[in-house]
Amino acid sequence: MNYDEILSRTARAIPPSGIRKFFSVVEDIPDAISLGVGEPDFVTPWEIRDAAIKSLQKGYTSYTSNSGLLRLREEICVYQSTRFRAEYEPDEVIVTVGASEAIDIALRALLDPGQEVIIPDPSFVSYAPIVTLAGGVAVPLRCRAENDFKPTPADLEAAVTPRTKAVILPFPNNPTGTVLSREETEALCAVVKAHGLMVLSDEIYAELTYGRQHVSVASVEGMRERTILVSGFSKAFAMTGWRIGYVCAPRPVTAVMLKIHQYAIMCTSTPAQYAALTALTGGRAEGFAAVEEMRGKYDMRRRFVVHAFNEMGLHCPEPSGAFYVFPCVRSTGYTGDEFAEKLLRSKHVAVVPGSAFGAAGKDHVRCSYATGMTQLTEAMRRIAEFVKEQA
């Protein structure tokens, strides 16, 4: 049977995730250290796990409403308002299967065939493929290392065409750790408003900033009506495997997204929703102490890894958010792809080539510091040894 004639040309043309490329190899290397996957090494706090256990013991195993538990949506509204000045009502919130589903239903709700979405380059690997699967056209917005990979209003203006429907603003950024100030966010939003565009604001790393406060696009004057805010529990609360996120948007937008969610998903896991509810209610009661503790440890690792890369001669800016560094490997004579391949084969350390996140990352690699100091220390030793050997 010729499956090329059966399978979707659009789906077949999408390349596999560059993040996952090396990890089948890693599994076969007993002493490999992976700095590739962006997953907290912390276990979900006990009180959150206990809430899910108790929900099962109480028999809360049926569907919730399609939008999610009302109490959870109410708490999401309180959380967004008190932490980030983003104001929503519960009927403007949909609980989703991770932030990834939120991105998917948002773009499917927005796009008609051929409409364009501007995406900062480099940024998360899933944006462009999801735009393509939704029938849209992904337009890269080149961000420069000398500007800390921050998009400029002039470059955004130049990328807008009559077919532009939306802009994705993913800050704090994966893979660069870039964070925008309020002034920088407002300057980009001015271009968005001038052209009547929508923004998909991916704020999954909002809690993971160092020395500065995250600025939500939805908190900028005049932006609430044209913002789809995506977030979740995976990163801040160490809940990656729970697959629970959410999307906030004006009612006409959530109404359309909810239809897609209803047909594709029905609702998110009920025990996971009770766990998320406890993450917010218990966290607020404790001043989000667990989040603060994890952030403090990430901060220590961040400074250690940045110093280590710069000491070995690989220029590494200090990220202001998330849990990644994005060192430049051009001085070794290799591209990011070549560096990652040779490092894995030679020293058994897995990093992600920067090209996985866009053309602007071709001379970089992404390393996650969401792992313990013992592994990070050994990984930095091996990488330094590799760089010295290449010299």
Foldseek 3Di string as FASTA:
>chain_A
DPCVVVDDPLVVPDDPFLLCVCVVVLVVDVPFAEQRDQFFPDDQDPVLVVLLVVCVVVPVFDFDFQQADLLLLQLVQVCCCVQANQHAHSLQKRKFQALVLVLLLLLLLFDDAAAEEEEEPQADLVNQSSNSVSRYHYHYQYAAVVVLSQGALVSVLVRDDPRYAEYEAEPVGPPALAADDPVRLVSNVVSCVVNVHAYEYECAFQLQFAPDHHHDNSNDPPHQQRYKYWYFCCQLRSPVVQRIIMIGHPNVSVVSSSVVSCVPPVGGGRSSSSSSSCQSVVCVVVVNVVSVVLSVVLVVLQVVLCVLCVVLPFHWDRRRTRFKIKTFQVVLVAWQVVLQVCLCVPQSYHWRQSCSRPPSRRRITMGGSSDDPVSVVSSSVSSSVVSVVSD
